[in-house]
Amino acid sequence: MMETKKLFVAGLILLSGILAACGQQETKEEVLTIESSSIMQAVETSKTKAKEEISQSSEPVESTEEAEDSEEKKSKQGHMELLQTYGEAYVNFKSINHRNEKLKDLMTEECIQMNGIDIVTGNGLGSEGKVTSIYQNDQDEYAVLLDCIQNGSPIRILLLAKVEDGKIAEMTYNTLKKEY
């Protein structure tokens, strides 16, 4: 009877060790999965890194393949700068009208209409915040995570956006709520 208990305890210890080892997985990149099951990967948002990449890509290029890569880098860098500016405008405003005026230059006409950006409102909501991270999937869709304080309350916002011709062409606003 004692031997059975010892074997049982030894088995439990061995099983817990195996489960603990299986549960320890290292993640090398931060990944965000959104409803459409496409994987969004974190994108570097540092302005200094952006300037370095632009200066590096403006050097003379000899082959067409390198030129295409350079153009693609410039395009993606332009998207990152647009998304950074867009996110900062979205969370730093004195009123909704103030925010909407800042956003108009960054959006296509269709996106402005779809999101009611051109409608004047009496809402006095104010906000201060920052862009926390930007994610991108392989279809050039972006998720911009924002942390801000609105009327004294901390909130987190997730903007899902598509970029076309250097402007935000589609945008969805999501408020993320901390449960506990």
N, C-alpha and C. Protein backbone atom coordinates (compact mmCIF):
# COMPACT_ATOMS: atom_id res chain seq x y z
N MET A 1 0.82 -1.18 0.00
CA MET A 1 0.00 0.00 0.00
C MET A 1 0.87 1.26 0.00
N MET A 2 1.95 1.27 0.82
CA MET A 2 2.87 2.40 0.88
C MET A 2 3.61 2.56 -0.44
N GLU A 3 3.97 1.43 -1.05
CA GLU A 3 4.68 1.49 -2.32
C GLU A 3 3.80 2.09 -3.41
N THR A 4 2.53 1.80 -3.39
CA THR A 4 1.59 2.33 -4.37
C THR A 4 1.49 3.85 -4.22
N LYS A 5 1.43 4.31 -2.98
CA LYS A 5 1.37 5.76 -2.72
C LYS A 5 2.65 6.44 -3.20
N LYS A 6 3.80 5.81 -2.93
CA LYS A 6 5.07 6.38 -3.35
C LYS A 6 5.15 6.46 -4.88
N LEU A 7 4.72 5.41 -5.55
CA LEU A 7 4.71 5.39 -7.02
C LEU A 7 3.76 6.46 -7.56
N PHE A 8 2.61 6.59 -6.91
CA PHE A 8 1.62 7.58 -7.34
C PHE A 8 2.19 9.00 -7.20
N VAL A 9 2.81 9.30 -6.06
CA VAL A 9 3.42 10.61 -5.81
C VAL A 9 4.56 10.86 -6.80
N ALA A 10 5.40 9.85 -7.02
CA ALA A 10 6.50 9.99 -7.97
C ALA A 10 5.97 10.24 -9.38
N GLY A 11 4.90 9.56 -9.73
CA GLY A 11 4.27 9.77 -11.04
C GLY A 11 3.73 11.19 -11.18
N LEU A 12 3.10 11.69 -10.13
CA LEU A 12 2.57 13.06 -10.15
C LEU A 12 3.70 14.08 -10.30
N ILE A 13 4.78 13.86 -9.59
CA ILE A 13 5.92 14.78 -9.68
C ILE A 13 6.51 14.76 -11.09
N LEU A 14 6.66 13.58 -11.65
CA LEU A 14 7.18 13.45 -13.01
C LEU A 14 6.25 14.10 -14.02
N LEU A 15 4.95 13.87 -13.87
CA LEU A 15 3.97 14.46 -14.78
C LEU A 15 3.96 15.99 -14.68
N SER A 16 4.04 16.52 -13.46
CA SER A 16 4.05 17.98 -13.31
C SER A 16 5.32 18.58 -13.91
N GLY A 17 6.44 17.87 -13.80
CA GLY A 17 7.69 18.35 -14.41
C GLY A 17 7.58 18.40 -15.92
N ILE A 18 6.98 17.37 -16.51
CA ILE A 18 6.80 17.34 -17.97
C ILE A 18 5.88 18.45 -18.42
N LEU A 19 4.76 18.63 -17.72
CA LEU A 19 3.81 19.69 -18.08
C LEU A 19 4.43 21.07 -17.92
N ALA A 20 5.24 21.25 -16.89
CA ALA A 20 5.89 22.55 -16.69
C ALA A 20 6.86 22.84 -17.83
N ALA A 21 7.59 21.82 -18.26
CA ALA A 21 8.55 22.01 -19.36
C ALA A 21 7.82 22.31 -20.66
N CYS A 22 6.69 21.67 -20.89
CA CYS A 22 5.91 21.92 -22.12
C CYS A 22 5.29 23.31 -22.10
N GLY A 23 4.96 23.80 -20.92
CA GLY A 23 4.29 25.10 -20.82
C GLY A 23 5.22 26.28 -20.98
N GLN A 24 6.54 26.06 -20.92
CA GLN A 24 7.50 27.16 -21.02
C GLN A 24 7.92 27.32 -22.47
N GLN A 25 7.22 28.19 -23.18
CA GLN A 25 7.56 28.48 -24.57
C GLN A 25 8.00 29.93 -24.66
N GLU A 26 9.10 30.17 -25.34
CA GLU A 26 9.59 31.53 -25.50
C GLU A 26 9.00 32.11 -26.76
N THR A 27 8.52 33.37 -26.68
CA THR A 27 8.04 34.06 -27.86
C THR A 27 9.05 35.12 -28.23
N LYS A 28 9.46 35.12 -29.49
CA LYS A 28 10.49 36.05 -29.94
C LYS A 28 9.90 37.34 -30.45
N GLU A 29 8.64 37.32 -30.93
CA GLU A 29 7.99 38.53 -31.44
C GLU A 29 6.63 38.64 -30.80
N GLU A 30 6.21 39.85 -30.56
CA GLU A 30 4.89 40.09 -30.05
C GLU A 30 3.91 39.94 -31.21
N VAL A 31 2.87 39.13 -31.04
CA VAL A 31 1.93 38.87 -32.12
C VAL A 31 0.52 39.11 -31.63
N LEU A 32 -0.30 39.75 -32.44
CA LEU A 32 -1.67 40.05 -32.12
C LEU A 32 -2.55 39.42 -33.17
N THR A 33 -3.52 38.58 -32.76
CA THR A 33 -4.44 37.96 -33.71
C THR A 33 -5.78 38.66 -33.59
N ILE A 34 -6.33 39.06 -34.70
CA ILE A 34 -7.58 39.79 -34.73
C ILE A 34 -8.62 38.96 -35.45
N GLU A 35 -9.92 39.24 -35.21
CA GLU A 35 -11.06 38.48 -35.68
C GLU A 35 -10.86 37.73 -36.99
N SER A 36 -10.25 38.30 -37.99
CA SER A 36 -10.16 37.68 -39.30
C SER A 36 -9.15 36.55 -39.35
N SER A 37 -8.57 36.21 -38.24
CA SER A 37 -7.58 35.15 -38.08
C SER A 37 -6.28 35.41 -38.84
N SER A 38 -6.08 36.63 -39.35
CA SER A 38 -4.78 36.94 -39.93
C SER A 38 -3.89 37.40 -38.78
N ILE A 39 -2.64 37.09 -38.87
CA ILE A 39 -1.71 37.38 -37.78
C ILE A 39 -1.11 38.75 -38.00
N MET A 40 -1.16 39.57 -36.95
CA MET A 40 -0.58 40.90 -36.99
C MET A 40 0.73 40.84 -36.22
N GLN A 41 1.79 41.38 -36.82
CA GLN A 41 3.08 41.39 -36.15
C GLN A 41 3.47 42.82 -35.80
N ALA A 42 4.15 42.96 -34.67
CA ALA A 42 4.57 44.28 -34.21
C ALA A 42 5.52 44.91 -35.22
N VAL A 43 5.37 46.22 -35.40
CA VAL A 43 6.19 46.99 -36.32
C VAL A 43 6.95 48.02 -35.50
N GLU A 44 8.22 48.27 -35.82
CA GLU A 44 9.03 49.27 -35.12
C GLU A 44 8.45 50.64 -35.38
N THR A 45 8.18 51.41 -34.33
CA THR A 45 7.59 52.74 -34.50
C THR A 45 8.53 53.88 -34.12
N SER A 46 9.76 53.56 -33.83
CA SER A 46 10.72 54.58 -33.42
C SER A 46 10.98 55.57 -34.54
N LYS A 47 10.81 56.86 -34.26
CA LYS A 47 11.03 57.89 -35.29
C LYS A 47 12.50 57.93 -35.72
N THR A 48 13.42 57.65 -34.79
CA THR A 48 14.83 57.66 -35.18
C THR A 48 15.13 56.52 -36.13
N LYS A 49 14.57 55.36 -35.87
CA LYS A 49 14.78 54.23 -36.77
C LYS A 49 14.19 54.56 -38.14
N ALA A 50 13.05 55.23 -38.16
CA ALA A 50 12.42 55.61 -39.43
C ALA A 50 13.34 56.53 -40.23
N LYS A 51 13.93 57.50 -39.56
CA LYS A 51 14.82 58.43 -40.26
C LYS A 51 16.05 57.71 -40.78
N GLU A 52 16.58 56.76 -39.98
CA GLU A 52 17.75 55.99 -40.41
C GLU A 52 17.44 55.18 -41.65
N GLU A 53 16.27 54.52 -41.68
CA GLU A 53 15.90 53.70 -42.83
C GLU A 53 15.73 54.55 -44.08
N ILE A 54 15.15 55.74 -43.93
CA ILE A 54 14.96 56.62 -45.08
C ILE A 54 16.32 57.07 -45.61
N SER A 55 17.23 57.46 -44.69
CA SER A 55 18.54 57.92 -45.16
C SER A 55 19.33 56.78 -45.80
N GLN A 56 19.18 55.57 -45.28
CA GLN A 56 19.87 54.42 -45.87
C GLN A 56 19.29 54.10 -47.24
N SER A 57 17.98 54.22 -47.39
CA SER A 57 17.35 53.84 -48.65
C SER A 57 17.51 54.92 -49.72
N SER A 58 18.03 56.10 -49.36
CA SER A 58 18.21 57.16 -50.36
C SER A 58 19.60 57.10 -51.01
N GLU A 59 20.40 56.09 -50.65
CA GLU A 59 21.70 55.91 -51.28
C GLU A 59 21.49 55.38 -52.70
N PRO A 60 22.45 55.61 -53.63
CA PRO A 60 22.31 55.11 -55.00
C PRO A 60 22.13 53.60 -55.03
N VAL A 61 21.22 53.13 -55.88
CA VAL A 61 20.92 51.72 -55.99
C VAL A 61 21.28 51.26 -57.38
N GLU A 62 21.98 50.12 -57.47
CA GLU A 62 22.46 49.65 -58.76
C GLU A 62 21.50 48.70 -59.46
N SER A 63 20.90 47.76 -58.76
CA SER A 63 20.05 46.78 -59.43
C SER A 63 18.57 47.13 -59.28
N THR A 64 17.74 46.61 -60.20
CA THR A 64 16.30 46.87 -60.13
C THR A 64 15.68 46.21 -58.92
N GLU A 65 16.17 45.05 -58.52
CA GLU A 65 15.64 44.36 -57.35
C GLU A 65 15.88 45.20 -56.10
N GLU A 66 17.07 45.75 -55.98
CA GLU A 66 17.37 46.62 -54.84
C GLU A 66 16.53 47.88 -54.88
N ALA A 67 16.28 48.42 -56.08
CA ALA A 67 15.45 49.62 -56.22
C ALA A 67 14.02 49.33 -55.78
N GLU A 68 13.50 48.15 -56.14
CA GLU A 68 12.15 47.78 -55.72
C GLU A 68 12.07 47.63 -54.21
N ASP A 69 13.09 47.01 -53.61
CA ASP A 69 13.12 46.88 -52.16
C ASP A 69 13.17 48.26 -51.50
N SER A 70 13.96 49.16 -52.08
CA SER A 70 14.08 50.51 -51.56
C SER A 70 12.73 51.24 -51.63
N GLU A 71 12.05 51.10 -52.75
CA GLU A 71 10.73 51.74 -52.91
C GLU A 71 9.73 51.16 -51.92
N GLU A 72 9.77 49.84 -51.72
CA GLU A 72 8.87 49.18 -50.78
C GLU A 72 9.14 49.66 -49.36
N LYS A 73 10.43 49.81 -49.00
CA LYS A 73 10.79 50.32 -47.68
C LYS A 73 10.28 51.74 -47.48
N LYS A 74 10.44 52.58 -48.50
CA LYS A 74 9.96 53.96 -48.41
C LYS A 74 8.45 53.99 -48.25
N SER A 75 7.75 53.12 -48.99
CA SER A 75 6.30 53.06 -48.90
C SER A 75 5.87 52.62 -47.51
N LYS A 76 6.47 51.55 -47.00
CA LYS A 76 6.13 51.05 -45.66
C LYS A 76 6.48 52.08 -44.60
N GLN A 77 7.61 52.78 -44.80
CA GLN A 77 8.00 53.82 -43.84
C GLN A 77 6.99 54.95 -43.86
N GLY A 78 6.52 55.30 -45.05
CA GLY A 78 5.48 56.32 -45.17
C GLY A 78 4.21 55.89 -44.45
N HIS A 79 3.87 54.61 -44.56
CA HIS A 79 2.69 54.09 -43.86
C HIS A 79 2.87 54.20 -42.35
N MET A 80 4.08 53.85 -41.86
CA MET A 80 4.34 53.91 -40.42
C MET A 80 4.23 55.34 -39.90
N GLU A 81 4.80 56.29 -40.66
CA GLU A 81 4.72 57.69 -40.25
C GLU A 81 3.27 58.17 -40.26
N LEU A 82 2.50 57.77 -41.29
CA LEU A 82 1.08 58.13 -41.37
C LEU A 82 0.32 57.56 -40.17
N LEU A 83 0.53 56.29 -39.87
CA LEU A 83 -0.17 55.65 -38.76
C LEU A 83 0.22 56.25 -37.41
N GLN A 84 1.49 56.60 -37.25
CA GLN A 84 1.94 57.25 -36.02
C GLN A 84 1.25 58.60 -35.85
N THR A 85 1.25 59.41 -36.92
CA THR A 85 0.60 60.72 -36.89
C THR A 85 -0.90 60.58 -36.65
N TYR A 86 -1.51 59.61 -37.33
CA TYR A 86 -2.94 59.36 -37.20
C TYR A 86 -3.29 58.96 -35.76
N GLY A 87 -2.51 58.04 -35.19
CA GLY A 87 -2.76 57.61 -33.81
C GLY A 87 -2.61 58.74 -32.82
N GLU A 88 -1.58 59.56 -33.00
CA GLU A 88 -1.37 60.69 -32.08
C GLU A 88 -2.51 61.71 -32.19
N ALA A 89 -2.99 61.94 -33.41
CA ALA A 89 -4.11 62.86 -33.59
C ALA A 89 -5.38 62.27 -32.98
N TYR A 90 -5.51 60.95 -33.04
CA TYR A 90 -6.72 60.30 -32.55
C TYR A 90 -6.83 60.35 -31.03
N VAL A 91 -5.70 60.40 -30.31
CA VAL A 91 -5.77 60.40 -28.85
C VAL A 91 -5.40 61.72 -28.20
N ASN A 92 -4.94 62.70 -28.94
CA ASN A 92 -4.56 63.99 -28.36
C ASN A 92 -5.42 65.10 -28.95
N PHE A 93 -6.48 65.47 -28.23
CA PHE A 93 -7.39 66.50 -28.73
C PHE A 93 -8.11 67.20 -27.58
N LYS A 94 -8.61 68.41 -27.89
CA LYS A 94 -9.34 69.22 -26.91
C LYS A 94 -10.83 68.95 -26.98
N SER A 95 -11.31 68.59 -28.18
CA SER A 95 -12.72 68.25 -28.40
C SER A 95 -12.79 67.33 -29.61
N ILE A 96 -13.93 66.71 -29.80
CA ILE A 96 -14.10 65.81 -30.95
C ILE A 96 -13.92 66.59 -32.26
N ASN A 97 -14.42 67.82 -32.32
CA ASN A 97 -14.24 68.63 -33.53
C ASN A 97 -12.76 68.91 -33.80
N HIS A 98 -12.00 69.19 -32.74
CA HIS A 98 -10.56 69.42 -32.86
C HIS A 98 -9.88 68.17 -33.43
N ARG A 99 -10.22 67.01 -32.87
CA ARG A 99 -9.65 65.74 -33.36
C ARG A 99 -10.01 65.51 -34.83
N ASN A 100 -11.27 65.69 -35.17
CA ASN A 100 -11.72 65.43 -36.54
C ASN A 100 -11.03 66.33 -37.56
N GLU A 101 -10.79 67.58 -37.18
CA GLU A 101 -10.08 68.49 -38.09
C GLU A 101 -8.66 68.00 -38.36
N LYS A 102 -8.00 67.49 -37.31
CA LYS A 102 -6.64 66.96 -37.49
C LYS A 102 -6.64 65.69 -38.33
N LEU A 103 -7.70 64.89 -38.24
CA LEU A 103 -7.77 63.61 -38.96
C LEU A 103 -8.09 63.78 -40.44
N LYS A 104 -8.81 64.83 -40.82
CA LYS A 104 -9.27 65.00 -42.20
C LYS A 104 -8.14 64.94 -43.22
N ASP A 105 -7.00 65.54 -42.92
CA ASP A 105 -5.88 65.55 -43.86
C ASP A 105 -5.24 64.18 -44.02
N LEU A 106 -5.51 63.28 -43.09
CA LEU A 106 -4.87 61.97 -43.09
C LEU A 106 -5.76 60.86 -43.67
N MET A 107 -7.00 61.20 -44.02
CA MET A 107 -7.98 60.19 -44.45
C MET A 107 -8.48 60.47 -45.87
N THR A 108 -8.92 59.41 -46.55
CA THR A 108 -9.55 59.59 -47.86
C THR A 108 -10.94 60.17 -47.65
N GLU A 109 -11.49 60.78 -48.69
CA GLU A 109 -12.84 61.37 -48.59
C GLU A 109 -13.87 60.32 -48.20
N GLU A 110 -13.77 59.15 -48.79
CA GLU A 110 -14.72 58.07 -48.49
C GLU A 110 -14.64 57.66 -47.02
N CYS A 111 -13.43 57.56 -46.48
CA CYS A 111 -13.25 57.19 -45.08
C CYS A 111 -13.78 58.29 -44.16
N ILE A 112 -13.60 59.54 -44.54
CA ILE A 112 -14.13 60.66 -43.76
C ILE A 112 -15.65 60.55 -43.68
N GLN A 113 -16.29 60.27 -44.82
CA GLN A 113 -17.74 60.15 -44.87
C GLN A 113 -18.22 58.94 -44.05
N MET A 114 -17.55 57.80 -44.23
CA MET A 114 -17.96 56.56 -43.54
C MET A 114 -17.87 56.69 -42.02
N ASN A 115 -16.94 57.48 -41.52
CA ASN A 115 -16.71 57.59 -40.08
C ASN A 115 -17.26 58.88 -39.47
N GLY A 116 -17.99 59.68 -40.26
CA GLY A 116 -18.62 60.89 -39.73
C GLY A 116 -17.62 61.93 -39.26
N ILE A 117 -16.44 61.97 -39.85
CA ILE A 117 -15.39 62.90 -39.43
C ILE A 117 -15.75 64.34 -39.80
N ASP A 118 -16.58 64.52 -40.83
CA ASP A 118 -16.93 65.88 -41.26
C ASP A 118 -18.15 66.45 -40.55
N ILE A 119 -18.72 65.70 -39.61
CA ILE A 119 -19.90 66.18 -38.87
C ILE A 119 -19.44 66.98 -37.65
N VAL A 120 -19.99 68.18 -37.49
CA VAL A 120 -19.66 69.04 -36.36
C VAL A 120 -20.50 68.59 -35.17
N THR A 121 -19.84 68.43 -34.02
CA THR A 121 -20.53 67.95 -32.82
C THR A 121 -20.25 68.89 -31.66
N GLY A 122 -21.11 68.85 -30.67
CA GLY A 122 -20.93 69.67 -29.47
C GLY A 122 -20.23 68.91 -28.36
N ASN A 123 -19.74 67.73 -28.64
CA ASN A 123 -19.11 66.90 -27.63
C ASN A 123 -17.78 67.52 -27.17
N GLY A 124 -17.66 67.76 -25.87
CA GLY A 124 -16.47 68.41 -25.31
C GLY A 124 -15.44 67.44 -24.78
N LEU A 125 -15.54 66.16 -25.13
CA LEU A 125 -14.58 65.16 -24.66
C LEU A 125 -13.16 65.55 -25.02
N GLY A 126 -12.25 65.46 -24.06
CA GLY A 126 -10.84 65.72 -24.30
C GLY A 126 -10.02 64.47 -24.05
N SER A 127 -8.84 64.40 -24.64
CA SER A 127 -8.02 63.21 -24.50
C SER A 127 -6.54 63.54 -24.63
N GLU A 128 -5.72 62.81 -23.88
CA GLU A 128 -4.27 62.87 -24.01
C GLU A 128 -3.76 61.45 -24.02
N GLY A 129 -2.81 61.16 -24.91
CA GLY A 129 -2.30 59.79 -24.95
C GLY A 129 -1.15 59.62 -25.90
N LYS A 130 -0.88 58.35 -26.21
CA LYS A 130 0.25 58.03 -27.08
C LYS A 130 -0.02 56.74 -27.84
N VAL A 131 0.72 56.56 -28.91
CA VAL A 131 0.69 55.32 -29.68
C VAL A 131 1.58 54.34 -28.93
N THR A 132 1.01 53.21 -28.54
CA THR A 132 1.77 52.19 -27.81
C THR A 132 2.48 51.25 -28.78
N SER A 133 1.77 50.76 -29.78
CA SER A 133 2.38 49.87 -30.78
C SER A 133 1.57 49.87 -32.06
N ILE A 134 2.24 49.46 -33.11
CA ILE A 134 1.60 49.33 -34.42
C ILE A 134 1.88 47.91 -34.90
N TYR A 135 0.83 47.26 -35.37
CA TYR A 135 0.93 45.90 -35.88
C TYR A 135 0.53 45.90 -37.36
N GLN A 136 1.06 44.93 -38.10
CA GLN A 136 0.75 44.83 -39.53
C GLN A 136 0.60 43.37 -39.90
N ASN A 137 -0.37 43.07 -40.79
CA ASN A 137 -0.45 41.70 -41.30
C ASN A 137 0.02 41.68 -42.74
N ASP A 138 -0.04 40.52 -43.38
CA ASP A 138 0.49 40.39 -44.74
C ASP A 138 -0.42 40.99 -45.81
N GLN A 139 -1.61 41.47 -45.45
CA GLN A 139 -2.49 42.15 -46.39
C GLN A 139 -2.40 43.68 -46.26
N ASP A 140 -1.34 44.17 -45.65
CA ASP A 140 -1.15 45.61 -45.41
C ASP A 140 -2.31 46.23 -44.65
N GLU A 141 -2.83 45.49 -43.68
CA GLU A 141 -3.80 46.02 -42.74
C GLU A 141 -3.05 46.29 -41.45
N TYR A 142 -3.45 47.33 -40.75
CA TYR A 142 -2.70 47.74 -39.57
C TYR A 142 -3.61 47.80 -38.35
N ALA A 143 -3.02 47.56 -37.20
CA ALA A 143 -3.69 47.74 -35.91
C ALA A 143 -2.81 48.70 -35.11
N VAL A 144 -3.41 49.79 -34.66
CA VAL A 144 -2.67 50.80 -33.90
C VAL A 144 -3.23 50.79 -32.48
N LEU A 145 -2.39 50.45 -31.52
CA LEU A 145 -2.79 50.37 -30.13
C LEU A 145 -2.46 51.69 -29.45
N LEU A 146 -3.46 52.29 -28.81
CA LEU A 146 -3.32 53.61 -28.19
C LEU A 146 -3.65 53.52 -26.70
N ASP A 147 -2.88 54.20 -25.87
CA ASP A 147 -3.18 54.35 -24.45
C ASP A 147 -3.46 55.81 -24.21
N CYS A 148 -4.58 56.10 -23.53
CA CYS A 148 -4.90 57.50 -23.29
C CYS A 148 -5.71 57.70 -22.02
N ILE A 149 -5.84 58.95 -21.67
CA ILE A 149 -6.68 59.38 -20.56
C ILE A 149 -7.76 60.27 -21.16
N GLN A 150 -9.02 59.85 -21.01
CA GLN A 150 -10.14 60.66 -21.51
C GLN A 150 -11.01 61.05 -20.33
N ASN A 151 -11.15 62.35 -20.14
CA ASN A 151 -11.90 62.89 -19.00
C ASN A 151 -11.52 62.22 -17.68
N GLY A 152 -10.21 62.04 -17.47
CA GLY A 152 -9.69 61.51 -16.23
C GLY A 152 -9.65 59.99 -16.13
N SER A 153 -10.17 59.28 -17.12
CA SER A 153 -10.19 57.82 -17.06
C SER A 153 -9.21 57.22 -18.06
N PRO A 154 -8.36 56.28 -17.61
CA PRO A 154 -7.44 55.63 -18.55
C PRO A 154 -8.20 54.62 -19.42
N ILE A 155 -7.98 54.68 -20.73
CA ILE A 155 -8.59 53.70 -21.63
C ILE A 155 -7.57 53.29 -22.68
N ARG A 156 -7.85 52.19 -23.32
CA ARG A 156 -7.00 51.67 -24.39
C ARG A 156 -7.87 51.57 -25.63
N ILE A 157 -7.32 52.02 -26.75
CA ILE A 157 -8.05 52.02 -28.02
C ILE A 157 -7.27 51.22 -29.04
N LEU A 158 -7.98 50.46 -29.84
CA LEU A 158 -7.37 49.72 -30.94
C LEU A 158 -8.00 50.21 -32.23
N LEU A 159 -7.18 50.84 -33.07
CA LEU A 159 -7.63 51.30 -34.38
C LEU A 159 -7.20 50.27 -35.42
N LEU A 160 -8.13 49.77 -36.20
CA LEU A 160 -7.80 48.89 -37.32
C LEU A 160 -7.91 49.73 -38.57
N ALA A 161 -6.87 49.74 -39.39
CA ALA A 161 -6.83 50.65 -40.53
C ALA A 161 -6.22 50.00 -41.76
N LYS A 162 -6.66 50.50 -42.93
CA LYS A 162 -6.05 50.15 -44.21
C LYS A 162 -5.54 51.45 -44.82
N VAL A 163 -4.37 51.37 -45.44
CA VAL A 163 -3.76 52.54 -46.05
C VAL A 163 -3.78 52.38 -47.57
N GLU A 164 -4.24 53.42 -48.26
CA GLU A 164 -4.22 53.45 -49.72
C GLU A 164 -3.78 54.84 -50.17
N ASP A 165 -2.86 54.89 -51.08
CA ASP A 165 -2.37 56.15 -51.65
C ASP A 165 -1.95 57.16 -50.58
N GLY A 166 -1.30 56.66 -49.54
CA GLY A 166 -0.75 57.54 -48.51
C GLY A 166 -1.77 58.12 -47.55
N LYS A 167 -2.99 57.56 -47.52
CA LYS A 167 -4.03 58.04 -46.60
C LYS A 167 -4.75 56.85 -45.98
N ILE A 168 -5.41 57.09 -44.85
CA ILE A 168 -6.21 56.06 -44.21
C ILE A 168 -7.48 55.89 -45.05
N ALA A 169 -7.68 54.69 -45.61
CA ALA A 169 -8.82 54.43 -46.49
C ALA A 169 -9.96 53.75 -45.75
N GLU A 170 -9.64 52.98 -44.73
CA GLU A 170 -10.64 52.32 -43.90
C GLU A 170 -10.17 52.36 -42.47
N MET A 171 -11.14 52.51 -41.53
CA MET A 171 -10.75 52.60 -40.14
C MET A 171 -11.89 52.08 -39.27
N THR A 172 -11.52 51.29 -38.26
CA THR A 172 -12.47 50.82 -37.26
C THR A 172 -11.91 51.16 -35.89
N TYR A 173 -12.75 51.69 -35.03
CA TYR A 173 -12.37 52.10 -33.68
C TYR A 173 -12.87 51.05 -32.70
N ASN A 174 -12.00 50.59 -31.81
CA ASN A 174 -12.38 49.62 -30.78
C ASN A 174 -11.85 50.09 -29.44
N THR A 175 -12.73 50.17 -28.44
CA THR A 175 -12.30 50.49 -27.09
C THR A 175 -12.02 49.18 -26.38
N LEU A 176 -10.85 49.06 -25.79
CA LEU A 176 -10.49 47.85 -25.06
C LEU A 176 -10.73 48.11 -23.58
N LYS A 177 -11.45 47.22 -22.97
CA LYS A 177 -11.84 47.40 -21.58
C LYS A 177 -11.12 46.40 -20.71
N LYS A 178 -10.59 46.88 -19.61
CA LYS A 178 -9.93 46.00 -18.65
C LYS A 178 -11.01 45.44 -17.73
N GLU A 179 -11.12 44.13 -17.73
CA GLU A 179 -12.17 43.49 -16.93
C GLU A 179 -11.88 43.55 -15.42
N TYR A 180 -10.66 43.26 -15.03
CA TYR A 180 -10.28 43.30 -13.62
C TYR A 180 -8.79 43.23 -13.49
